[in-house]
Amino acid sequence: MKIICLCGSTRYTEIMAVVAWEIEKLGDIALGWHLLPRWYVTQGDHIAEQEGVAEILDQVHLEKIRMADEVLIINCEGHIGEQTKREIEFAKSLGKPVKYLEPKA
């Protein structure tokens, strides 16, 4: 059983939820952020910033990368944002294999 940390833009949260489901159906563990229901998120995107917890959640996500056996980048449409680039570099600095959902351009 592998632990796989999913990283990528929050614009692909629904895709990440599906990828996590597919990973766990194969018997591995998927770590990533949480897909919050629409009734919970009343003010649009970027709830972590709105609630003032973005820095805490960024640190938690780095710990998930540290715990993982590998990292899977959710790079839909070739998109890799600045935060995801930092997470890739962090994973590589720890010697973690980094894979991509879509072929890297």
C-alpha atoms as a PDB file:
ATOM      1  CA  MET A   1       0.000   0.000   0.000  1.00  0.00           C
ATOM      2  CA  LYS A   2       1.407   3.376  -1.074  1.00  0.00           C
ATOM      3  CA  ILE A   3       0.609   6.826   0.259  1.00  0.00           C
ATOM      4  CA  ILE A   4       0.155   9.268  -2.618  1.00  0.00           C
ATOM      5  CA  CYS A   5      -0.107  13.009  -2.018  1.00  0.00           C
ATOM      6  CA  LEU A   6      -2.110  14.899  -4.627  1.00  0.00           C
ATOM      7  CA  CYS A   7      -1.037  18.448  -5.461  1.00  0.00           C
ATOM      8  CA  GLY A   8      -2.440  21.009  -7.861  1.00  0.00           C
ATOM      9  CA  SER A   9      -4.649  24.015  -8.292  1.00  0.00           C
ATOM     10  CA  THR A  10      -7.836  24.257  -6.239  1.00  0.00           C
ATOM     11  CA  ARG A  11      -9.647  24.913  -9.520  1.00  0.00           C
ATOM     12  CA  TYR A  12      -9.331  21.150 -10.071  1.00  0.00           C
ATOM     13  CA  THR A  13     -10.647  20.070  -6.658  1.00  0.00           C
ATOM     14  CA  GLU A  14     -13.441  17.978  -8.154  1.00  0.00           C
ATOM     15  CA  ILE A  15     -10.972  16.179 -10.443  1.00  0.00           C
ATOM     16  CA  MET A  16      -8.698  15.622  -7.451  1.00  0.00           C
ATOM     17  CA  ALA A  17     -11.606  14.036  -5.554  1.00  0.00           C
ATOM     18  CA  VAL A  18     -12.186  11.608  -8.443  1.00  0.00           C
ATOM     19  CA  VAL A  19      -8.450  10.797  -8.694  1.00  0.00           C
ATOM     20  CA  ALA A  20      -8.325  10.151  -4.927  1.00  0.00           C
ATOM     21  CA  TRP A  21     -11.309   7.803  -5.270  1.00  0.00           C
ATOM     22  CA  GLU A  22      -9.609   5.918  -8.127  1.00  0.00           C
ATOM     23  CA  ILE A  23      -6.342   5.617  -6.147  1.00  0.00           C
ATOM     24  CA  GLU A  24      -8.100   4.297  -3.066  1.00  0.00           C
ATOM     25  CA  LYS A  25     -10.139   1.780  -5.105  1.00  0.00           C
ATOM     26  CA  LEU A  26      -6.763   0.240  -5.997  1.00  0.00           C
ATOM     27  CA  GLY A  27      -5.867  -0.081  -2.306  1.00  0.00           C
ATOM     28  CA  ASP A  28      -3.520   2.883  -1.938  1.00  0.00           C
ATOM     29  CA  ILE A  29      -3.978   5.957   0.276  1.00  0.00           C
ATOM     30  CA  ALA A  30      -4.605   9.385  -1.269  1.00  0.00           C
ATOM     31  CA  LEU A  31      -3.771  12.593   0.593  1.00  0.00           C
ATOM     32  CA  GLY A  32      -4.831  16.003  -0.640  1.00  0.00           C
ATOM     33  CA  TRP A  33      -7.139  18.812   0.305  1.00  0.00           C
ATOM     34  CA  HIS A  34     -10.819  18.352   1.029  1.00  0.00           C
ATOM     35  CA  LEU A  35     -13.713  18.804  -1.336  1.00  0.00           C
ATOM     36  CA  LEU A  36     -16.076  21.009   0.630  1.00  0.00           C
ATOM     37  CA  PRO A  37     -19.795  20.931  -0.164  1.00  0.00           C
ATOM     38  CA  ARG A  38     -21.358  24.034  -1.696  1.00  0.00           C
ATOM     39  CA  TRP A  39     -23.526  24.610   1.398  1.00  0.00           C
ATOM     40  CA  TYR A  40     -20.369  24.997   3.516  1.00  0.00           C
ATOM     41  CA  VAL A  41     -18.595  27.405   1.165  1.00  0.00           C
ATOM     42  CA  THR A  42     -20.865  30.421   1.017  1.00  0.00           C
ATOM     43  CA  GLN A  43     -18.372  33.040  -0.177  1.00  0.00           C
ATOM     44  CA  GLY A  44     -16.906  31.532  -3.355  1.00  0.00           C
ATOM     45  CA  ASP A  45     -13.363  30.252  -3.814  1.00  0.00           C
ATOM     46  CA  HIS A  46     -10.310  30.432  -1.601  1.00  0.00           C
ATOM     47  CA  ILE A  47     -12.032  29.695   1.686  1.00  0.00           C
ATOM     48  CA  ALA A  48      -8.677  29.205   3.445  1.00  0.00           C
ATOM     49  CA  GLU A  49      -7.754  32.823   2.739  1.00  0.00           C
ATOM     50  CA  GLN A  50     -11.213  34.009   3.773  1.00  0.00           C
ATOM     51  CA  GLU A  51     -10.958  32.165   7.088  1.00  0.00           C
ATOM     52  CA  GLY A  52      -7.337  33.253   7.646  1.00  0.00           C
ATOM     53  CA  VAL A  53      -5.978  29.706   7.708  1.00  0.00           C
ATOM     54  CA  ALA A  54      -4.130  29.503   4.376  1.00  0.00           C
ATOM     55  CA  GLU A  55      -0.679  29.457   5.995  1.00  0.00           C
ATOM     56  CA  ILE A  56      -1.686  26.682   8.400  1.00  0.00           C
ATOM     57  CA  LEU A  57      -3.153  24.586   5.601  1.00  0.00           C
ATOM     58  CA  ASP A  58      -0.064  25.145   3.435  1.00  0.00           C
ATOM     59  CA  GLN A  59       2.084  23.740   6.261  1.00  0.00           C
ATOM     60  CA  VAL A  60      -0.287  20.796   6.729  1.00  0.00           C
ATOM     61  CA  HIS A  61      -0.051  20.068   3.007  1.00  0.00           C
ATOM     62  CA  LEU A  62       3.762  20.065   3.164  1.00  0.00           C
ATOM     63  CA  GLU A  63       3.514  17.521   5.980  1.00  0.00           C
ATOM     64  CA  LYS A  64       1.298  15.379   3.773  1.00  0.00           C
ATOM     65  CA  ILE A  65       4.024  15.508   1.107  1.00  0.00           C
ATOM     66  CA  ARG A  66       6.582  14.520   3.748  1.00  0.00           C
ATOM     67  CA  MET A  67       4.403  11.533   4.771  1.00  0.00           C
ATOM     68  CA  ALA A  68       3.793  10.370   1.201  1.00  0.00           C
ATOM     69  CA  ASP A  69       5.643   7.726  -0.756  1.00  0.00           C
ATOM     70  CA  GLU A  70       5.063   9.706  -3.944  1.00  0.00           C
ATOM     71  CA  VAL A  71       3.404  12.880  -5.205  1.00  0.00           C
ATOM     72  CA  LEU A  72       0.887  13.092  -8.041  1.00  0.00           C
ATOM     73  CA  ILE A  73       0.452  16.478  -9.687  1.00  0.00           C
ATOM     74  CA  ILE A  74      -3.058  17.256 -10.917  1.00  0.00           C
ATOM     75  CA  ASN A  75      -1.893  19.298 -13.907  1.00  0.00           C
ATOM     76  CA  CYS A  76      -5.097  19.536 -15.914  1.00  0.00           C
ATOM     77  CA  GLU A  77      -4.748  21.434 -19.178  1.00  0.00           C
ATOM     78  CA  GLY A  78      -1.014  21.679 -18.408  1.00  0.00           C
ATOM     79  CA  HIS A  79      -1.661  24.074 -15.520  1.00  0.00           C
ATOM     80  CA  ILE A  80       0.921  24.123 -12.718  1.00  0.00           C
ATOM     81  CA  GLY A  81       0.662  27.199 -10.481  1.00  0.00           C
ATOM     82  CA  GLU A  82       3.340  28.796  -8.346  1.00  0.00           C
ATOM     83  CA  GLN A  83       2.271  27.053  -5.123  1.00  0.00           C
ATOM     84  CA  THR A  84       2.261  23.683  -6.881  1.00  0.00           C
ATOM     85  CA  LYS A  85       5.735  24.410  -8.291  1.00  0.00           C
ATOM     86  CA  ARG A  86       6.951  25.012  -4.718  1.00  0.00           C
ATOM     87  CA  GLU A  87       5.353  21.742  -3.617  1.00  0.00           C
ATOM     88  CA  ILE A  88       7.083  19.894  -6.479  1.00  0.00           C
ATOM     89  CA  GLU A  89      10.451  21.335  -5.450  1.00  0.00           C
ATOM     90  CA  PHE A  90       9.774  20.430  -1.809  1.00  0.00           C
ATOM     91  CA  ALA A  91       8.882  16.850  -2.781  1.00  0.00           C
ATOM     92  CA  LYS A  92      12.010  16.551  -4.935  1.00  0.00           C
ATOM     93  CA  SER A  93      14.164  17.921  -2.102  1.00  0.00           C
ATOM     94  CA  LEU A  94      12.874  15.030   0.015  1.00  0.00           C
ATOM     95  CA  GLY A  95      13.622  12.524  -2.734  1.00  0.00           C
ATOM     96  CA  LYS A  96       9.935  11.802  -3.378  1.00  0.00           C
ATOM     97  CA  PRO A  97       8.959  10.561  -6.843  1.00  0.00           C
ATOM     98  CA  VAL A  98       6.807  13.172  -8.609  1.00  0.00           C
ATOM     99  CA  LYS A  99       4.317  11.994 -11.222  1.00  0.00           C
ATOM    100  CA  TYR A 100       1.833  13.932 -13.343  1.00  0.00           C
ATOM    101  CA  LEU A 101      -1.808  13.219 -14.160  1.00  0.00           C
ATOM    102  CA  GLU A 102      -1.319  14.519 -17.705  1.00  0.00           C
ATOM    103  CA  PRO A 103       1.924  14.333 -19.684  1.00  0.00           C
ATOM    104  CA  LYS A 104       4.137  17.249 -18.689  1.00  0.00           C
ATOM    105  CA  ALA A 105       4.461  19.808 -21.492  1.00  0.00           C
END
